């Protein structure tokens, strides 16, 4: 009986299977890497704003407390954005004629709020409450990074679910005393885990990893 396949067919078939497996692995790696990239997560990307507001100047330089502008962060799911009146408390006297602040003055004259572009964005199926994190001793820096060093604001972390779960699984690695929540340069005076385990008990922090905790 004549041979149907050339003797090289086995080698070709083996190489094809191996190539397909390697190609599938490479594609999976590319997709996973791309999904976690700054392009997809929007981390480390400065957002253009109607006014180039500098946290570095206001927080790092002038020493503004986060709560001066984000007034509802302690008792609301949303941190809130300052009304134009808040900006004009200072800027009616300081830099009152600066061209860069004309959008602020125009907003004040018209009563129409400034349209800030959101920096930290979560999809609609994710529930996040600022107040519970603040009151359980999670510092602003943990999620937002050192905003006191940001001349323009960007998203410091990926905000992917796996990143959130790092804290939810081991809150003792991140918790700090409540009085230090809004301090940018705070460092623990003792070992973080030793202090963290104590605060987890004191603040009655639970390791919440059930889906319904965040997906409601």
C-alpha atoms as a PDB file:
ATOM      1  CA  UNK A   1       0.000   0.000   0.000  1.00  0.00           C
ATOM      2  CA  UNK A   2       1.540   3.349  -0.995  1.00  0.00           C
ATOM      3  CA  UNK A   3       2.368   5.802   1.800  1.00  0.00           C
ATOM      4  CA  UNK A   4      -0.310   8.522   2.032  1.00  0.00           C
ATOM      5  CA  UNK A   5       1.626  11.082   4.105  1.00  0.00           C
ATOM      6  CA  UNK A   6       5.197  12.086   3.599  1.00  0.00           C
ATOM      7  CA  UNK A   7       7.474  10.965   6.399  1.00  0.00           C
ATOM      8  CA  UNK A   8       7.945  14.617   7.393  1.00  0.00           C
ATOM      9  CA  UNK A   9       4.226  14.919   8.239  1.00  0.00           C
ATOM     10  CA  UNK A  10       4.773  13.825  11.847  1.00  0.00           C
ATOM     11  CA  UNK A  11       7.410  16.487  12.389  1.00  0.00           C
ATOM     12  CA  UNK A  12       5.188  19.121  10.782  1.00  0.00           C
ATOM     13  CA  UNK A  13       2.215  18.103  12.932  1.00  0.00           C
ATOM     14  CA  UNK A  14       4.297  18.186  16.104  1.00  0.00           C
ATOM     15  CA  UNK A  15       5.745  21.569  15.226  1.00  0.00           C
ATOM     16  CA  UNK A  16       2.268  22.903  14.411  1.00  0.00           C
ATOM     17  CA  UNK A  17       0.867  21.781  17.764  1.00  0.00           C
ATOM     18  CA  UNK A  18       3.826  23.206  19.668  1.00  0.00           C
ATOM     19  CA  UNK A  19       3.586  26.432  17.669  1.00  0.00           C
ATOM     20  CA  UNK A  20      -0.116  26.726  18.429  1.00  0.00           C
ATOM     21  CA  UNK A  21       0.477  26.180  22.170  1.00  0.00           C
ATOM     22  CA  UNK A  22       3.348  28.699  22.253  1.00  0.00           C
ATOM     23  CA  UNK A  23       1.303  31.163  20.218  1.00  0.00           C
ATOM     24  CA  UNK A  24      -1.701  30.792  22.533  1.00  0.00           C
ATOM     25  CA  UNK A  25       0.504  31.309  25.593  1.00  0.00           C
ATOM     26  CA  UNK A  26       2.115  34.370  24.003  1.00  0.00           C
ATOM     27  CA  UNK A  27      -1.296  35.805  23.096  1.00  0.00           C
ATOM     28  CA  UNK A  28      -2.561  35.226  26.632  1.00  0.00           C
ATOM     29  CA  UNK A  29       0.539  36.928  28.057  1.00  0.00           C
ATOM     30  CA  UNK A  30       0.099  39.888  25.722  1.00  0.00           C
ATOM     31  CA  UNK A  31      -3.567  40.261  26.642  1.00  0.00           C
ATOM     32  CA  UNK A  32      -2.865  40.048  30.370  1.00  0.00           C
ATOM     33  CA  UNK A  33       0.032  42.495  30.105  1.00  0.00           C
ATOM     34  CA  UNK A  34      -2.063  44.866  28.012  1.00  0.00           C
ATOM     35  CA  UNK A  35      -4.976  44.648  30.447  1.00  0.00           C
ATOM     36  CA  UNK A  36      -2.669  45.719  33.284  1.00  0.00           C
ATOM     37  CA  UNK A  37      -0.894  48.406  31.285  1.00  0.00           C
ATOM     38  CA  UNK A  38      -1.178  52.101  32.059  1.00  0.00           C
ATOM     39  CA  UNK A  39      -2.990  52.535  28.759  1.00  0.00           C
ATOM     40  CA  UNK A  40      -5.829  50.288  29.909  1.00  0.00           C
ATOM     41  CA  UNK A  41      -5.894  51.116  33.625  1.00  0.00           C
ATOM     42  CA  UNK A  42      -5.201  54.848  33.078  1.00  0.00           C
ATOM     43  CA  UNK A  43      -2.649  54.764  35.908  1.00  0.00           C
ATOM     44  CA  UNK A  44       0.127  57.371  35.825  1.00  0.00           C
ATOM     45  CA  UNK A  45      -1.692  59.356  33.150  1.00  0.00           C
ATOM     46  CA  UNK A  46      -2.296  63.034  33.893  1.00  0.00           C
ATOM     47  CA  UNK A  47      -5.869  64.158  33.173  1.00  0.00           C
ATOM     48  CA  UNK A  48      -6.370  67.460  31.446  1.00  0.00           C
ATOM     49  CA  UNK A  49      -8.479  69.780  33.585  1.00  0.00           C
ATOM     50  CA  UNK A  50     -10.216  73.133  33.001  1.00  0.00           C
ATOM     51  CA  UNK A  51      -7.694  74.605  35.469  1.00  0.00           C
ATOM     52  CA  UNK A  52      -4.236  73.030  36.070  1.00  0.00           C
ATOM     53  CA  UNK A  53      -4.800  72.506  39.796  1.00  0.00           C
ATOM     54  CA  UNK A  54      -1.635  71.550  41.692  1.00  0.00           C
ATOM     55  CA  UNK A  55      -1.971  69.369  44.775  1.00  0.00           C
ATOM     56  CA  UNK A  56       1.794  69.757  45.197  1.00  0.00           C
ATOM     57  CA  UNK A  57       1.346  73.492  45.717  1.00  0.00           C
ATOM     58  CA  UNK A  58      -1.856  73.448  47.761  1.00  0.00           C
ATOM     59  CA  UNK A  59      -1.216  70.319  49.881  1.00  0.00           C
ATOM     60  CA  UNK A  60       2.559  69.972  49.872  1.00  0.00           C
ATOM     61  CA  UNK A  61       3.382  73.677  49.812  1.00  0.00           C
ATOM     62  CA  UNK A  62       0.514  75.443  51.573  1.00  0.00           C
ATOM     63  CA  UNK A  63      -0.419  72.536  53.832  1.00  0.00           C
ATOM     64  CA  UNK A  64      -4.106  72.265  52.924  1.00  0.00           C
ATOM     65  CA  UNK A  65      -5.881  69.360  54.612  1.00  0.00           C
ATOM     66  CA  UNK A  66      -7.696  67.014  52.203  1.00  0.00           C
ATOM     67  CA  UNK A  67     -10.988  67.763  53.958  1.00  0.00           C
ATOM     68  CA  UNK A  68     -10.828  71.457  53.138  1.00  0.00           C
ATOM     69  CA  UNK A  69     -11.810  70.664  49.546  1.00  0.00           C
ATOM     70  CA  UNK A  70     -13.152  67.110  49.858  1.00  0.00           C
ATOM     71  CA  UNK A  71     -15.645  67.953  52.565  1.00  0.00           C
ATOM     72  CA  UNK A  72     -17.784  64.806  52.493  1.00  0.00           C
ATOM     73  CA  UNK A  73     -15.010  62.213  52.523  1.00  0.00           C
ATOM     74  CA  UNK A  74     -15.594  61.244  56.176  1.00  0.00           C
ATOM     75  CA  UNK A  75     -19.350  60.675  56.013  1.00  0.00           C
ATOM     76  CA  UNK A  76     -20.235  59.917  52.399  1.00  0.00           C
ATOM     77  CA  UNK A  77     -19.375  57.390  49.702  1.00  0.00           C
ATOM     78  CA  UNK A  78     -18.092  60.323  47.647  1.00  0.00           C
ATOM     79  CA  UNK A  79     -15.202  62.552  48.659  1.00  0.00           C
ATOM     80  CA  UNK A  80     -16.814  65.504  46.910  1.00  0.00           C
ATOM     81  CA  UNK A  81     -15.297  68.359  44.926  1.00  0.00           C
ATOM     82  CA  UNK A  82     -15.004  71.926  46.153  1.00  0.00           C
ATOM     83  CA  UNK A  83     -17.507  74.513  45.052  1.00  0.00           C
ATOM     84  CA  UNK A  84     -16.087  77.500  43.194  1.00  0.00           C
ATOM     85  CA  UNK A  85     -16.815  79.564  46.309  1.00  0.00           C
ATOM     86  CA  UNK A  86     -14.171  77.500  48.116  1.00  0.00           C
ATOM     87  CA  UNK A  87     -11.567  78.333  45.484  1.00  0.00           C
ATOM     88  CA  UNK A  88     -12.493  81.991  45.542  1.00  0.00           C
ATOM     89  CA  UNK A  89     -12.059  82.167  49.313  1.00  0.00           C
ATOM     90  CA  UNK A  90      -8.367  82.541  48.556  1.00  0.00           C
ATOM     91  CA  UNK A  91      -8.270  83.487  44.899  1.00  0.00           C
ATOM     92  CA  UNK A  92     -10.400  86.589  45.258  1.00  0.00           C
ATOM     93  CA  UNK A  93      -7.284  87.959  46.980  1.00  0.00           C
ATOM     94  CA  UNK A  94      -4.411  85.804  45.681  1.00  0.00           C
ATOM     95  CA  UNK A  95      -3.651  85.521  41.965  1.00  0.00           C
ATOM     96  CA  UNK A  96      -6.956  87.296  41.466  1.00  0.00           C
ATOM     97  CA  UNK A  97      -6.029  88.445  37.949  1.00  0.00           C
ATOM     98  CA  UNK A  98      -4.047  85.401  36.789  1.00  0.00           C
ATOM     99  CA  UNK A  99      -5.192  84.342  33.274  1.00  0.00           C
ATOM    100  CA  UNK A 100      -4.894  80.658  34.204  1.00  0.00           C
ATOM    101  CA  UNK A 101      -7.628  81.142  36.835  1.00  0.00           C
ATOM    102  CA  UNK A 102     -10.125  82.839  34.530  1.00  0.00           C
ATOM    103  CA  UNK A 103     -12.263  79.642  34.322  1.00  0.00           C
ATOM    104  CA  UNK A 104     -12.612  79.807  38.114  1.00  0.00           C
ATOM    105  CA  UNK A 105     -13.637  83.457  38.047  1.00  0.00           C
ATOM    106  CA  UNK A 106     -16.056  82.802  35.172  1.00  0.00           C
ATOM    107  CA  UNK A 107     -17.628  79.960  37.137  1.00  0.00           C
ATOM    108  CA  UNK A 108     -17.985  82.235  40.165  1.00  0.00           C
ATOM    109  CA  UNK A 109     -19.639  84.983  38.104  1.00  0.00           C
ATOM    110  CA  UNK A 110     -22.050  82.679  36.292  1.00  0.00           C
ATOM    111  CA  UNK A 111     -22.769  80.238  39.110  1.00  0.00           C
ATOM    112  CA  UNK A 112     -22.035  77.368  36.716  1.00  0.00           C
ATOM    113  CA  UNK A 113     -19.769  74.725  38.299  1.00  0.00           C
ATOM    114  CA  UNK A 114     -16.424  73.858  36.753  1.00  0.00           C
ATOM    115  CA  UNK A 115     -16.493  70.574  34.862  1.00  0.00           C
ATOM    116  CA  UNK A 116     -13.552  68.672  36.306  1.00  0.00           C
ATOM    117  CA  UNK A 117     -12.431  65.501  34.538  1.00  0.00           C
ATOM    118  CA  UNK A 118     -12.589  62.462  36.775  1.00  0.00           C
ATOM    119  CA  UNK A 119      -9.164  61.055  37.675  1.00  0.00           C
ATOM    120  CA  UNK A 120     -10.153  57.935  39.625  1.00  0.00           C
ATOM    121  CA  UNK A 121     -12.895  56.086  37.788  1.00  0.00           C
ATOM    122  CA  UNK A 122     -14.617  52.820  38.705  1.00  0.00           C
ATOM    123  CA  UNK A 123     -17.175  51.005  36.554  1.00  0.00           C
ATOM    124  CA  UNK A 124     -20.829  51.254  37.501  1.00  0.00           C
ATOM    125  CA  UNK A 125     -20.948  47.725  38.910  1.00  0.00           C
ATOM    126  CA  UNK A 126     -18.324  48.537  41.556  1.00  0.00           C
ATOM    127  CA  UNK A 127     -19.443  50.081  44.852  1.00  0.00           C
ATOM    128  CA  UNK A 128     -16.872  52.079  46.794  1.00  0.00           C
ATOM    129  CA  UNK A 129     -17.475  54.089  49.957  1.00  0.00           C
ATOM    130  CA  UNK A 130     -14.850  56.647  50.985  1.00  0.00           C
ATOM    131  CA  UNK A 131     -16.242  57.081  54.481  1.00  0.00           C
ATOM    132  CA  UNK A 132     -15.905  53.459  55.573  1.00  0.00           C
ATOM    133  CA  UNK A 133     -12.285  53.311  54.432  1.00  0.00           C
ATOM    134  CA  UNK A 134     -11.403  56.617  56.120  1.00  0.00           C
ATOM    135  CA  UNK A 135     -13.097  55.638  59.376  1.00  0.00           C
ATOM    136  CA  UNK A 136     -11.383  52.249  59.400  1.00  0.00           C
ATOM    137  CA  UNK A 137      -7.949  53.872  59.158  1.00  0.00           C
ATOM    138  CA  UNK A 138      -7.052  53.611  55.482  1.00  0.00           C
ATOM    139  CA  UNK A 139      -4.945  56.615  54.531  1.00  0.00           C
ATOM    140  CA  UNK A 140      -5.560  58.749  51.457  1.00  0.00           C
ATOM    141  CA  UNK A 141      -2.018  57.918  50.313  1.00  0.00           C
ATOM    142  CA  UNK A 142      -2.810  54.190  50.204  1.00  0.00           C
ATOM    143  CA  UNK A 143      -5.120  54.627  47.223  1.00  0.00           C
ATOM    144  CA  UNK A 144      -4.283  58.057  45.823  1.00  0.00           C
ATOM    145  CA  UNK A 145      -0.527  58.117  46.302  1.00  0.00           C
ATOM    146  CA  UNK A 146       1.498  61.141  47.370  1.00  0.00           C
ATOM    147  CA  UNK A 147      -0.772  63.795  45.907  1.00  0.00           C
ATOM    148  CA  UNK A 148       1.263  66.369  47.811  1.00  0.00           C
ATOM    149  CA  UNK A 149       4.019  65.657  45.275  1.00  0.00           C
ATOM    150  CA  UNK A 150       1.800  65.843  42.172  1.00  0.00           C
ATOM    151  CA  UNK A 151       1.935  69.153  40.274  1.00  0.00           C
ATOM    152  CA  UNK A 152      -0.925  67.739  38.193  1.00  0.00           C
ATOM    153  CA  UNK A 153      -3.097  64.877  39.363  1.00  0.00           C
ATOM    154  CA  UNK A 154      -2.888  61.335  38.061  1.00  0.00           C
ATOM    155  CA  UNK A 155      -4.171  57.939  39.163  1.00  0.00           C
ATOM    156  CA  UNK A 156      -1.416  56.292  41.180  1.00  0.00           C
ATOM    157  CA  UNK A 157      -2.710  52.697  41.211  1.00  0.00           C
ATOM    158  CA  UNK A 158      -4.405  50.370  38.739  1.00  0.00           C
ATOM    159  CA  UNK A 159      -7.731  50.148  40.654  1.00  0.00           C
ATOM    160  CA  UNK A 160      -8.018  46.578  39.360  1.00  0.00           C
ATOM    161  CA  UNK A 161      -9.895  44.126  41.574  1.00  0.00           C
ATOM    162  CA  UNK A 162      -6.696  42.227  42.376  1.00  0.00           C
ATOM    163  CA  UNK A 163      -5.220  45.476  43.723  1.00  0.00           C
ATOM    164  CA  UNK A 164      -8.248  46.089  45.968  1.00  0.00           C
ATOM    165  CA  UNK A 165      -8.080  42.526  47.248  1.00  0.00           C
ATOM    166  CA  UNK A 166      -4.512  42.991  48.460  1.00  0.00           C
ATOM    167  CA  UNK A 167      -5.877  45.269  51.172  1.00  0.00           C
ATOM    168  CA  UNK A 168      -9.127  43.408  51.769  1.00  0.00           C
ATOM    169  CA  UNK A 169      -7.263  40.139  52.343  1.00  0.00           C
ATOM    170  CA  UNK A 170      -4.582  41.621  54.598  1.00  0.00           C
ATOM    171  CA  UNK A 171      -5.818  44.935  56.019  1.00  0.00           C
ATOM    172  CA  UNK A 172      -3.111  44.850  58.704  1.00  0.00           C
ATOM    173  CA  UNK A 173      -0.554  45.698  56.019  1.00  0.00           C
ATOM    174  CA  UNK A 174      -2.256  49.007  55.212  1.00  0.00           C
ATOM    175  CA  UNK A 175      -4.272  50.275  58.188  1.00  0.00           C
ATOM    176  CA  UNK A 176      -2.992  53.256  60.168  1.00  0.00           C
ATOM    177  CA  UNK A 177      -4.256  55.256  63.174  1.00  0.00           C
ATOM    178  CA  UNK A 178      -7.344  57.288  62.307  1.00  0.00           C
ATOM    179  CA  UNK A 179      -5.594  60.529  63.225  1.00  0.00           C
ATOM    180  CA  UNK A 180      -2.993  59.809  60.523  1.00  0.00           C
ATOM    181  CA  UNK A 181      -5.422  59.076  57.673  1.00  0.00           C
ATOM    182  CA  UNK A 182      -4.984  62.491  56.048  1.00  0.00           C
ATOM    183  CA  UNK A 183      -1.235  62.837  56.652  1.00  0.00           C
ATOM    184  CA  UNK A 184       0.754  62.478  53.450  1.00  0.00           C
ATOM    185  CA  UNK A 185       4.186  61.724  54.921  1.00  0.00           C
ATOM    186  CA  UNK A 186       3.128  59.575  57.892  1.00  0.00           C
ATOM    187  CA  UNK A 187       5.320  56.602  58.814  1.00  0.00           C
ATOM    188  CA  UNK A 188       4.534  54.012  61.513  1.00  0.00           C
ATOM    189  CA  UNK A 189       6.598  54.337  64.707  1.00  0.00           C
ATOM    190  CA  UNK A 190       6.643  50.565  65.041  1.00  0.00           C
ATOM    191  CA  UNK A 191       6.506  47.550  62.760  1.00  0.00           C
ATOM    192  CA  UNK A 192       3.544  47.940  60.392  1.00  0.00           C
ATOM    193  CA  UNK A 193       2.242  44.400  60.888  1.00  0.00           C
ATOM    194  CA  UNK A 194       2.452  44.601  64.681  1.00  0.00           C
ATOM    195  CA  UNK A 195       0.613  47.912  64.703  1.00  0.00           C
ATOM    196  CA  UNK A 196      -1.752  46.776  61.940  1.00  0.00           C
ATOM    197  CA  UNK A 197      -2.884  43.644  63.768  1.00  0.00           C
ATOM    198  CA  UNK A 198      -3.612  45.730  66.854  1.00  0.00           C
ATOM    199  CA  UNK A 199      -5.603  48.307  64.889  1.00  0.00           C
ATOM    200  CA  UNK A 200      -7.533  45.610  63.016  1.00  0.00           C
ATOM    201  CA  UNK A 201      -8.836  44.377  66.360  1.00  0.00           C
ATOM    202  CA  UNK A 202      -9.368  47.860  67.791  1.00  0.00           C
ATOM    203  CA  UNK A 203     -11.250  49.158  64.729  1.00  0.00           C
ATOM    204  CA  UNK A 204     -13.082  45.841  64.232  1.00  0.00           C
ATOM    205  CA  UNK A 205     -11.850  45.513  60.655  1.00  0.00           C
ATOM    206  CA  UNK A 206     -13.003  42.394  58.836  1.00  0.00           C
ATOM    207  CA  UNK A 207     -11.301  40.799  55.868  1.00  0.00           C
ATOM    208  CA  UNK A 208     -14.170  41.236  53.399  1.00  0.00           C
ATOM    209  CA  UNK A 209     -13.604  39.361  50.151  1.00  0.00           C
ATOM    210  CA  UNK A 210     -17.136  38.246  49.250  1.00  0.00           C
ATOM    211  CA  UNK A 211     -18.287  39.415  45.835  1.00  0.00           C
ATOM    212  CA  UNK A 212     -21.283  41.319  47.232  1.00  0.00           C
ATOM    213  CA  UNK A 213     -18.980  43.537  49.334  1.00  0.00           C
ATOM    214  CA  UNK A 214     -18.170  45.612  46.264  1.00  0.00           C
ATOM    215  CA  UNK A 215     -20.526  44.282  43.575  1.00  0.00           C
ATOM    216  CA  UNK A 216     -24.091  45.115  44.537  1.00  0.00           C
END
